[in-house]
Protein backbone atom coordinates (compact mmCIF):
# COMPACT_ATOMS: atom_id res chain seq x y z
CA MET A 1 -0.20 -8.72 6.62
CA GLU A 2 -1.25 -6.05 9.09
CA PHE A 3 -2.81 -2.77 7.99
CA TYR A 4 -4.16 0.08 10.08
CA ASP A 5 -7.86 0.74 9.53
CA LEU A 6 -8.52 4.45 9.97
CA LYS A 7 -12.28 4.01 10.19
CA SER A 8 -12.24 1.57 13.10
CA ARG A 9 -8.86 2.82 14.43
CA THR A 10 -7.51 -0.71 14.82
CA LYS A 11 -4.92 -2.93 13.22
CA VAL A 12 -6.46 -5.57 10.96
CA LYS A 13 -5.01 -8.59 9.20
CA VAL A 14 -5.52 -8.78 5.41
CA ALA A 15 -5.03 -12.03 3.50
CA GLU A 16 -2.15 -12.18 1.00
CA GLY A 17 -4.59 -12.68 -1.90
CA ASP A 18 -6.33 -9.37 -1.13
CA ILE A 19 -3.15 -7.27 -1.35
CA THR A 20 -1.84 -5.35 -4.36
CA LYS A 21 0.98 -2.84 -4.71
CA LYS A 22 1.16 0.57 -6.37
CA LYS A 23 3.96 2.99 -7.19
CA MET A 24 2.91 6.66 -7.06
CA VAL A 25 5.02 9.38 -8.67
CA ARG A 26 4.23 13.06 -8.42
CA LYS A 27 6.01 16.24 -9.43
CA THR A 28 7.07 18.73 -6.80
CA LYS A 29 8.83 22.09 -7.02
CA THR A 30 12.20 20.43 -6.57
CA GLY A 31 11.69 17.35 -8.75
CA GLU A 32 9.78 14.10 -8.45
CA GLN A 33 8.60 12.23 -5.39
CA THR A 34 8.05 8.48 -5.53
CA ARG A 35 5.94 6.71 -2.92
CA TYR A 36 5.46 2.97 -2.64
CA ALA A 37 2.24 1.57 -1.20
CA LEU A 38 0.70 -1.79 -0.48
CA MET A 39 -3.10 -1.77 -0.75
CA GLY A 40 -5.30 -4.25 1.05
CA ASN A 41 -9.02 -4.84 0.55
CA TYR A 42 -10.84 -5.17 3.87
CA ASP A 43 -14.63 -4.97 4.42
CA GLY A 44 -15.11 -3.36 0.99
CA ARG A 45 -12.57 -0.62 1.71
CA VAL A 46 -9.03 -0.12 0.46
CA LEU A 47 -6.40 0.25 3.17
CA TYR A 48 -3.00 1.72 2.35
CA LYS A 49 0.35 0.89 3.90
CA PHE A 50 3.27 3.00 2.72
CA VAL A 51 6.55 1.08 2.57
CA ASN A 52 10.11 1.69 1.42
CA GLU A 53 11.38 0.64 -2.02
CA LYS A 54 13.09 -2.50 -0.70
CA ASP A 55 9.90 -3.84 0.90
CA TYR A 56 7.90 -2.84 -2.19
CA LYS A 57 10.13 -4.89 -4.48
CA ALA A 58 10.19 -7.82 -2.04
CA ALA A 59 6.39 -8.01 -1.88
CA ASN A 60 5.26 -10.87 -4.09
CA VAL A 61 1.84 -9.44 -5.01
CA LYS A 62 0.18 -8.08 -8.14
CA GLU A 63 1.13 -4.53 -9.19
CA VAL A 64 -1.60 -2.12 -10.29
CA SER A 65 -1.20 1.20 -12.06
């Protein structure tokens, strides 16, 4: 899967085994905001890719809290 590496400013490919997913919920003035992210380990760094709920549920990777 492709992630964007902010440090090198390039797109990099991360192996499926190095990807996890995380659901982030935070409170705002008007309620709650839920963000869905896929996290890939690349060169010792964690790269984030924010996705919609459908893609989050379709991703067949381990979920972390």
